[in-house]
C-alpha atoms as a PDB file:
ATOM      1  CA  MET A   1     136.333 -16.165-201.133  1.00  0.00           C
ATOM      2  CA  ARG A   2     137.486 -12.939-202.830  1.00  0.00           C
ATOM      3  CA  GLY A   3     136.234 -12.182-206.339  1.00  0.00           C
ATOM      4  CA  THR A   4     136.751  -9.502-208.920  1.00  0.00           C
ATOM      5  CA  ILE A   5     135.084  -8.442-212.148  1.00  0.00           C
ATOM      6  CA  LEU A   6     137.730  -8.933-214.778  1.00  0.00           C
ATOM      7  CA  LYS A   7     138.931  -6.031-216.942  1.00  0.00           C
ATOM      8  CA  PHE A   8     136.504  -3.697-215.254  1.00  0.00           C
ATOM      9  CA  LYS A   9     138.506  -0.616-216.321  1.00  0.00           C
ATOM     10  CA  SER A  10     137.884  -1.573-219.943  1.00  0.00           C
ATOM     11  CA  VAL A  11     134.121  -1.805-219.155  1.00  0.00           C
ATOM     12  CA  ASN A  12     134.214   1.842-218.017  1.00  0.00           C
ATOM     13  CA  ASP A  13     136.438   2.864-220.908  1.00  0.00           C
ATOM     14  CA  THR A  14     134.354   1.068-223.558  1.00  0.00           C
ATOM     15  CA  TYR A  15     130.799   1.443-222.266  1.00  0.00           C
ATOM     16  CA  GLY A  16     131.111   4.458-219.956  1.00  0.00           C
ATOM     17  CA  HIS A  17     131.051   4.937-216.225  1.00  0.00           C
ATOM     18  CA  LEU A  18     127.212   4.759-215.980  1.00  0.00           C
ATOM     19  CA  ALA A  19     127.284   1.304-217.585  1.00  0.00           C
ATOM     20  CA  GLY A  20     130.145   0.381-215.211  1.00  0.00           C
ATOM     21  CA  ASP A  21     127.966   1.356-212.292  1.00  0.00           C
ATOM     22  CA  GLU A  22     125.125  -0.759-213.692  1.00  0.00           C
ATOM     23  CA  VAL A  23     127.569  -3.723-213.985  1.00  0.00           C
ATOM     24  CA  LEU A  24     128.537  -3.329-210.350  1.00  0.00           C
ATOM     25  CA  ARG A  25     124.895  -3.154-209.171  1.00  0.00           C
ATOM     26  CA  GLU A  26     123.896  -6.162-211.262  1.00  0.00           C
ATOM     27  CA  THR A  27     126.845  -8.174-210.039  1.00  0.00           C
ATOM     28  CA  ALA A  28     125.887  -7.276-206.497  1.00  0.00           C
ATOM     29  CA  LYS A  29     122.429  -8.707-207.228  1.00  0.00           C
ATOM     30  CA  ARG A  30     123.636 -11.816-209.048  1.00  0.00           C
ATOM     31  CA  LEU A  31     126.112 -13.020-206.493  1.00  0.00           C
ATOM     32  CA  PRO A  32     123.629 -13.388-203.584  1.00  0.00           C
ATOM     33  CA  SER A  33     121.241 -15.297-205.932  1.00  0.00           C
ATOM     34  CA  SER A  34     124.088 -17.714-206.619  1.00  0.00           C
ATOM     35  CA  VAL A  35     124.657 -18.624-202.970  1.00  0.00           C
ATOM     36  CA  GLY A  36     122.549 -20.070-200.151  1.00  0.00           C
ATOM     37  CA  SER A  37     120.487 -17.970-197.741  1.00  0.00           C
ATOM     38  CA  TYR A  38     123.051 -18.777-195.032  1.00  0.00           C
ATOM     39  CA  ASP A  39     125.987 -17.422-197.065  1.00  0.00           C
ATOM     40  CA  PHE A  40     127.201 -13.824-197.147  1.00  0.00           C
ATOM     41  CA  VAL A  41     128.051 -11.536-200.057  1.00  0.00           C
ATOM     42  CA  GLY A  42     129.399  -8.010-199.926  1.00  0.00           C
ATOM     43  CA  ARG A  43     131.257  -5.546-202.073  1.00  0.00           C
ATOM     44  CA  SER A  44     134.736  -5.073-200.670  1.00  0.00           C
ATOM     45  CA  GLY A  45     135.780  -2.105-202.791  1.00  0.00           C
ATOM     46  CA  GLY A  46     136.051  -1.156-206.427  1.00  0.00           C
ATOM     47  CA  GLU A  47     135.041  -4.155-208.536  1.00  0.00           C
ATOM     48  CA  GLU A  48     135.891  -6.684-205.795  1.00  0.00           C
ATOM     49  CA  PHE A  49     133.428  -8.787-203.789  1.00  0.00           C
ATOM     50  CA  LEU A  50     133.718 -10.958-200.720  1.00  0.00           C
ATOM     51  CA  VAL A  51     131.708 -14.213-200.601  1.00  0.00           C
ATOM     52  CA  VAL A  52     131.500 -16.254-197.405  1.00  0.00           C
ATOM     53  CA  LEU A  53     130.273 -19.811-197.988  1.00  0.00           C
ATOM     54  CA  ASN A  54     129.093 -20.378-194.420  1.00  0.00           C
ATOM     55  CA  ASN A  55     129.439 -24.003-193.156  1.00  0.00           C
ATOM     56  CA  CYS A  56     130.450 -25.199-196.630  1.00  0.00           C
ATOM     57  CA  ASN A  57     132.205 -28.531-196.560  1.00  0.00           C
ATOM     58  CA  PRO A  58     135.690 -27.934-197.979  1.00  0.00           C
ATOM     59  CA  ALA A  59     135.207 -30.992-200.224  1.00  0.00           C
ATOM     60  CA  TYR A  60     132.498 -29.087-202.110  1.00  0.00           C
ATOM     61  CA  ALA A  61     133.851 -25.521-201.863  1.00  0.00           C
ATOM     62  CA  LEU A  62     135.655 -25.533-205.262  1.00  0.00           C
ATOM     63  CA  ALA A  63     132.564 -26.812-207.038  1.00  0.00           C
ATOM     64  CA  ARG A  64     130.404 -24.118-205.301  1.00  0.00           C
ATOM     65  CA  ALA A  65     132.917 -21.425-206.278  1.00  0.00           C
ATOM     66  CA  GLU A  66     132.924 -22.583-209.888  1.00  0.00           C
ATOM     67  CA  GLU A  67     129.095 -22.512-209.985  1.00  0.00           C
ATOM     68  CA  ILE A  68     129.214 -18.923-208.687  1.00  0.00           C
ATOM     69  CA  ARG A  69     131.868 -17.939-211.240  1.00  0.00           C
ATOM     70  CA  LYS A  70     129.893 -19.482-214.146  1.00  0.00           C
ATOM     71  CA  ALA A  71     126.600 -17.945-212.981  1.00  0.00           C
ATOM     72  CA  SER A  72     128.151 -14.469-212.927  1.00  0.00           C
ATOM     73  CA  ALA A  73     129.174 -14.796-216.609  1.00  0.00           C
ATOM     74  CA  ARG A  74     126.112 -16.696-217.939  1.00  0.00           C
ATOM     75  CA  THR A  75     124.239 -13.639-219.142  1.00  0.00           C
ATOM     76  CA  PRO A  76     125.672 -10.242-220.214  1.00  0.00           C
ATOM     77  CA  VAL A  77     124.626  -7.364-218.005  1.00  0.00           C
ATOM     78  CA  GLN A  78     122.013  -5.139-219.632  1.00  0.00           C
ATOM     79  CA  THR A  79     123.125  -1.519-219.384  1.00  0.00           C
ATOM     80  CA  CYS A  80     122.215   1.866-220.762  1.00  0.00           C
ATOM     81  CA  SER A  81     125.011   1.326-223.323  1.00  0.00           C
ATOM     82  CA  GLY A  82     123.923  -2.134-224.295  1.00  0.00           C
ATOM     83  CA  PRO A  83     124.753  -5.647-223.072  1.00  0.00           C
ATOM     84  CA  VAL A  84     128.117  -5.971-221.299  1.00  0.00           C
ATOM     85  CA  PRO A  85     129.616  -9.467-220.982  1.00  0.00           C
ATOM     86  CA  ILE A  86     131.484  -9.991-217.718  1.00  0.00           C
ATOM     87  CA  THR A  87     133.659 -12.673-216.201  1.00  0.00           C
ATOM     88  CA  MET A  88     135.006 -13.018-212.711  1.00  0.00           C
ATOM     89  CA  SER A  89     137.971 -14.646-211.010  1.00  0.00           C
ATOM     90  CA  PHE A  90     137.908 -15.893-207.413  1.00  0.00           C
ATOM     91  CA  GLY A  91     140.447 -16.656-204.715  1.00  0.00           C
ATOM     92  CA  LEU A  92     139.085 -19.315-202.378  1.00  0.00           C
ATOM     93  CA  LEU A  93     140.435 -19.632-198.846  1.00  0.00           C
ATOM     94  CA  LEU A  94     139.671 -23.209-197.963  1.00  0.00           C
ATOM     95  CA  SER A  95     139.351 -24.133-194.330  1.00  0.00           C
ATOM     96  CA  GLN A  96     137.021 -24.853-191.446  1.00  0.00           C
ATOM     97  CA  GLU A  97     139.626 -23.758-188.860  1.00  0.00           C
ATOM     98  CA  TRP A  98     139.364 -19.975-188.618  1.00  0.00           C
ATOM     99  CA  SER A  99     140.269 -19.452-185.000  1.00  0.00           C
ATOM    100  CA  GLY A 100     143.559 -17.890-184.247  1.00  0.00           C
ATOM    101  CA  LEU A 101     143.893 -15.880-187.431  1.00  0.00           C
ATOM    102  CA  PRO A 102     142.952 -12.207-187.659  1.00  0.00           C
ATOM    103  CA  LEU A 103     140.469 -11.192-190.314  1.00  0.00           C
ATOM    104  CA  GLU A 104     143.092  -9.091-192.117  1.00  0.00           C
ATOM    105  CA  GLU A 105     145.263 -12.185-192.535  1.00  0.00           C
ATOM    106  CA  LEU A 106     142.415 -14.260-193.867  1.00  0.00           C
ATOM    107  CA  LEU A 107     141.559 -11.567-196.397  1.00  0.00           C
ATOM    108  CA  GLN A 108     145.195 -11.252-197.453  1.00  0.00           C
ATOM    109  CA  GLN A 109     145.390 -14.976-198.033  1.00  0.00           C
ATOM    110  CA  ALA A 110     142.186 -14.938-200.120  1.00  0.00           C
ATOM    111  CA  ASP A 111     143.672 -12.009-202.093  1.00  0.00           C
ATOM    112  CA  SER A 112     146.787 -14.111-202.785  1.00  0.00           C
ATOM    113  CA  ALA A 113     144.601 -16.829-204.283  1.00  0.00           C
ATOM    114  CA  LEU A 114     142.738 -14.180-206.261  1.00  0.00           C
ATOM    115  CA  TYR A 115     146.009 -12.824-207.705  1.00  0.00           C
ATOM    116  CA  ALA A 116     146.942 -16.444-208.607  1.00  0.00           C
ATOM    117  CA  ALA A 117     143.655 -16.768-210.470  1.00  0.00           C
ATOM    118  CA  LYS A 118     144.425 -13.621-212.445  1.00  0.00           C
ATOM    119  CA  ALA A 119     147.946 -14.786-213.203  1.00  0.00           C
ATOM    120  CA  ALA A 120     146.556 -18.211-214.365  1.00  0.00           C
ATOM    121  CA  GLY A 121     144.694 -16.573-217.198  1.00  0.00           C
ATOM    122  CA  ARG A 122     141.663 -15.114-215.425  1.00  0.00           C
ATOM    123  CA  ASN A 123     138.059 -16.348-215.323  1.00  0.00           C
ATOM    124  CA  CYS A 124     138.895 -19.123-212.895  1.00  0.00           C
ATOM    125  CA  VAL A 125     139.067 -20.053-209.186  1.00  0.00           C
ATOM    126  CA  LYS A 126     142.282 -20.668-207.345  1.00  0.00           C
ATOM    127  CA  ILE A 127     142.519 -22.159-203.836  1.00  0.00           C
ATOM    128  CA  THR A 128     144.688 -21.401-200.849  1.00  0.00           C
ATOM    129  CA  ILE A 129     144.750 -23.057-197.424  1.00  0.00           C
ATOM    130  CA  PRO A 130     145.238 -20.799-194.356  1.00  0.00           C
ATOM    131  CA  LYS A 131     148.777 -20.583-193.131  1.00  0.00           C
ATOM    132  CA  ILE A 132     148.500 -21.025-189.353  1.00  0.00           C
ATOM    133  CA  ALA A 133     151.407 -19.618-187.414  1.00  0.00           C
ATOM    134  CA  ALA A 134     153.268 -22.151-185.347  1.00  0.00           C
ATOM    135  CA  VAL A 135     152.731 -21.754-181.614  1.00  0.00           C
ATOM    136  CA  ASP A 136     155.815 -21.819-179.389  1.00  0.00           C
ATOM    137  CA  THR A 137     154.711 -24.066-176.553  1.00  0.00           C
ATOM    138  CA  HIS A 138     158.037 -23.546-174.747  1.00  0.00           C
ATOM    139  CA  SER A 139     157.700 -19.846-174.193  1.00  0.00           C
ATOM    140  CA  GLN A 140     156.240 -18.644-170.931  1.00  0.00           C
ATOM    141  CA  ALA A 141     153.105 -16.585-170.805  1.00  0.00           C
ATOM    142  CA  ARG A 142     153.741 -12.939-170.147  1.00  0.00           C
ATOM    143  CA  GLU A 143     151.697 -10.856-167.824  1.00  0.00           C
ATOM    144  CA  PRO A 144     150.070  -7.842-169.448  1.00  0.00           C
ATOM    145  CA  ALA A 145     151.826  -4.574-168.945  1.00  0.00           C
ATOM    146  CA  PRO A 146     150.307  -2.353-166.317  1.00  0.00           C
ATOM    147  CA  GLN A 147     148.163   0.455-167.735  1.00  0.00           C
ATOM    148  CA  ARG A 148     148.831   4.076-166.857  1.00  0.00           C
ATOM    149  CA  ARG A 149     145.963   6.205-165.578  1.00  0.00           C
END
């Protein structure tokens, strides 16, 4: 799941960059407290975060993502410039079948769902299902090319 703090540039512009840094730090604390001990949370750049709901049944993933989204916005972040209300949008990649897809492809698909959440009015969760490339069962396996020494 890919998430972003919405309108983060306006947080920096309105409250200052020190307050923006405090918002990032507090969000980095809030997200792990919103997930299980077996899940993973990390900042993936700028105001974006990656949340892995490890072994989460896909039937419950949207509800879990909504709980995380609501928890992030429940209380304004206390900063040196005063309280800063935040909201987040999330793109949820929904699957239990990860084999065969490179990490970059999985992240790109989660990003697509995140962009859909932003386009849908923000402060929401949008879902995508992995696009698994079709395997050509009629092609013959190729031998690896010899390596030069």
